[in-house]
Amino acid sequence: MISALRPAASRALVAQPLKAIAPARRLAFAPSAASPFSTSVRALAVHKRFTAEHEWVSFDDESNVGTVGITEYAQKSLGDVVFVELPAADSEVKQGDDVGAVESVKAASDIYAPVTGVIESVNEQLSSEPGLLNKDPEGKGWLCKIRLTQPQEFESLLSAEAYQKLCEN
């Protein structure tokens, strides 16, 4: 009954198998400056800073959480990492506090809290795979996440350019 209401041309399309119908063209979307959506998306919500002790913090100012790890420079200096001591979740830390350690075949190094806050979580994967610090120190090898109680401390840390200059000296 419904097919009788359709014009003859559309009945022919419906009767054909799907593979006989040409695929739809994909349209590329490039937002313009006048796009109503351009103001609803933030360019960057996550910022990264460094310490002179070779730790990094990637701070998400929307969640107020900073992810902490050691830098590429630090992991190269340490060599093959064999053990990582992490802080306890839910513990309060102050900027500069000793929160753990990294041991390698060459040396051991303390980890210091780059910011003040509460440890939200730790990277449990490092317990069984400490080598992640060598493979991806500024990615999957993160150490802990800290909810900052004094977010202004983040701004006092080194920018990428300042940290690079520190490493070159």
Protein backbone atom coordinates (compact mmCIF):
# COMPACT_ATOMS: atom_id res chain seq x y z
CA MET A 1 0.00 0.00 0.00
CA ILE A 2 2.76 2.47 0.93
CA SER A 3 4.69 1.77 -2.30
CA ALA A 4 1.61 2.69 -4.29
CA LEU A 5 1.78 6.20 -2.81
CA ARG A 6 5.39 6.73 -3.95
CA PRO A 7 6.16 8.09 -7.41
CA ALA A 8 7.43 5.49 -9.87
CA ALA A 9 11.03 6.79 -9.77
CA SER A 10 11.36 6.30 -6.01
CA ARG A 11 9.72 2.83 -6.19
CA ALA A 12 12.55 1.83 -8.55
CA LEU A 13 15.17 2.94 -6.01
CA VAL A 14 13.48 1.14 -3.14
CA ALA A 15 13.29 -2.09 -5.12
CA GLN A 16 17.03 -2.03 -5.89
CA PRO A 17 19.53 -3.60 -3.49
CA LEU A 18 21.45 -1.13 -1.35
CA LYS A 19 24.76 -1.75 -3.08
CA ALA A 20 23.32 -0.45 -6.34
CA ILE A 21 22.69 2.98 -4.82
CA ALA A 22 25.65 5.34 -5.10
CA PRO A 23 27.26 6.18 -1.74
CA ALA A 24 26.56 9.60 -0.31
CA ARG A 25 29.32 12.16 -0.64
CA ARG A 26 30.99 13.27 2.56
CA LEU A 27 31.09 16.97 3.05
CA ALA A 28 34.08 18.53 4.70
CA PHE A 29 33.27 20.97 7.46
CA ALA A 30 35.59 23.84 8.09
CA PRO A 31 34.25 26.21 10.74
CA SER A 32 34.50 29.84 9.85
CA ALA A 33 35.32 32.71 12.15
CA ALA A 34 31.62 33.51 12.19
CA SER A 35 30.69 30.00 13.33
CA PRO A 36 28.32 30.07 16.31
CA PHE A 37 30.23 27.14 17.83
CA SER A 38 33.68 28.71 17.79
CA THR A 39 33.18 30.43 21.16
CA SER A 40 31.88 27.32 22.91
CA VAL A 41 35.14 25.35 22.58
CA ARG A 42 38.18 26.21 24.67
CA ALA A 43 41.48 26.23 22.85
CA LEU A 44 43.45 24.77 25.77
CA ALA A 45 42.23 23.59 29.14
CA VAL A 46 45.42 21.72 29.98
CA HIS A 47 48.73 23.48 30.57
CA LYS A 48 52.15 21.95 31.26
CA ARG A 49 54.90 23.28 33.53
CA PHE A 50 58.17 21.89 34.90
CA THR A 51 60.30 21.96 38.04
CA ALA A 52 64.06 22.38 38.44
CA GLU A 53 64.03 18.85 39.92
CA HIS A 54 62.87 17.49 36.52
CA GLU A 55 59.21 16.82 37.27
CA TRP A 56 56.37 17.96 35.04
CA VAL A 57 52.79 18.89 35.85
CA SER A 58 50.02 18.87 33.30
CA PHE A 59 47.29 21.01 34.89
CA ASP A 60 43.66 20.94 33.82
CA ASP A 61 42.23 24.20 35.11
CA GLU A 62 38.64 23.00 34.65
CA SER A 63 39.02 19.98 36.96
CA ASN A 64 41.76 21.58 39.11
CA VAL A 65 43.80 18.36 38.81
CA GLY A 66 47.46 18.16 37.89
CA THR A 67 49.05 15.01 36.49
CA VAL A 68 52.65 14.64 37.69
CA GLY A 69 55.58 12.75 36.22
CA ILE A 70 59.30 12.88 35.56
CA THR A 71 60.64 14.50 32.41
CA GLU A 72 62.30 12.90 29.41
CA TYR A 73 65.57 14.51 30.56
CA ALA A 74 65.24 12.86 34.01
CA GLN A 75 64.55 9.39 32.64
CA LYS A 76 67.54 9.61 30.29
CA SER A 77 69.75 10.67 33.21
CA LEU A 78 68.49 7.82 35.40
CA GLY A 79 68.81 5.03 32.85
CA ASP A 80 66.71 1.88 33.05
CA VAL A 81 64.12 2.31 35.82
CA VAL A 82 63.67 -0.82 37.96
CA PHE A 83 61.46 0.40 40.83
CA VAL A 84 59.03 3.25 41.49
CA GLU A 85 57.77 4.25 44.95
CA LEU A 86 54.52 6.20 44.69
CA PRO A 87 52.65 8.32 47.24
CA ALA A 88 49.49 7.06 48.92
CA ALA A 89 46.19 8.09 47.38
CA ASP A 90 44.20 10.64 49.42
CA SER A 91 47.32 11.93 51.18
CA GLU A 92 47.88 15.67 51.49
CA VAL A 93 51.13 17.05 50.11
CA LYS A 94 52.80 20.44 50.14
CA GLN A 95 54.92 21.84 47.34
CA GLY A 96 58.46 20.47 47.79
CA ASP A 97 57.46 17.47 49.94
CA ASP A 98 59.13 14.14 49.18
CA VAL A 99 56.32 12.00 47.71
CA GLY A 100 58.17 8.99 46.33
CA ALA A 101 61.28 7.72 44.61
CA VAL A 102 62.52 6.29 41.33
CA GLU A 103 65.30 3.69 41.34
CA SER A 104 67.28 2.75 38.27
CA VAL A 105 70.32 0.63 37.48
CA LYS A 106 72.45 3.81 37.81
CA ALA A 107 70.90 5.77 40.67
CA ALA A 108 67.95 6.54 42.91
CA SER A 109 66.12 9.83 42.86
CA ASP A 110 63.46 11.30 45.11
CA ILE A 111 60.21 12.64 43.66
CA TYR A 112 59.02 15.96 45.04
CA ALA A 113 55.50 17.36 44.97
CA PRO A 114 55.56 20.19 42.46
CA VAL A 115 52.32 21.64 43.86
CA THR A 116 50.26 21.58 47.06
CA GLY A 117 47.15 19.43 47.14
CA VAL A 118 45.62 16.00 47.69
CA ILE A 119 46.80 12.91 45.83
CA GLU A 120 43.75 11.82 43.83
CA SER A 121 45.26 8.72 42.24
CA VAL A 122 48.55 7.03 41.44
CA ASN A 123 49.64 5.11 38.36
CA GLU A 124 49.40 1.56 39.71
CA GLN A 125 50.73 0.22 36.40
CA LEU A 126 54.21 1.44 37.38
CA SER A 127 54.34 -1.14 40.19
CA SER A 128 54.49 -3.98 37.68
CA GLU A 129 55.96 -1.99 34.76
CA PRO A 130 58.48 0.57 36.08
CA GLY A 131 60.02 0.69 32.60
CA LEU A 132 57.04 2.77 31.47
CA LEU A 133 58.97 5.72 32.87
CA ASN A 134 61.65 5.06 30.24
CA LYS A 135 59.24 4.31 27.39
CA ASP A 136 56.78 7.19 27.90
CA PRO A 137 57.75 9.41 30.87
CA GLU A 138 55.51 12.30 29.86
CA GLY A 139 52.56 10.13 28.88
CA LYS A 140 51.67 6.63 30.12
CA GLY A 141 54.48 6.84 32.68
CA TRP A 142 52.74 9.51 34.79
CA LEU A 143 53.22 9.11 38.56
CA CYS A 144 50.22 10.62 40.32
CA LYS A 145 47.34 13.05 40.02
CA ILE A 146 47.03 15.89 42.51
CA ARG A 147 43.95 18.03 43.14
CA LEU A 148 45.54 21.43 43.67
CA THR A 149 44.57 23.35 46.78
CA GLN A 150 46.77 26.31 45.80
CA PRO A 151 46.46 26.56 42.00
CA GLN A 152 48.56 29.76 41.92
CA GLU A 153 51.63 27.59 42.65
CA PHE A 154 51.32 26.09 39.18
CA GLU A 155 52.06 29.47 37.60
CA SER A 156 55.34 29.72 39.54
CA LEU A 157 56.69 26.57 37.86
CA LEU A 158 58.97 26.71 34.81
CA SER A 159 57.60 27.14 31.31
CA ALA A 160 58.78 24.70 28.62
CA GLU A 161 61.25 27.29 27.33
CA ALA A 162 62.68 28.01 30.80
CA TYR A 163 62.98 24.28 31.53
CA GLN A 164 64.76 23.67 28.23
CA LYS A 165 67.29 26.41 29.08
CA LEU A 166 67.83 24.82 32.51
CA CYS A 167 68.60 21.46 30.88
CA GLU A 168 71.01 23.01 28.37
CA ASN A 169 73.19 24.49 31.15
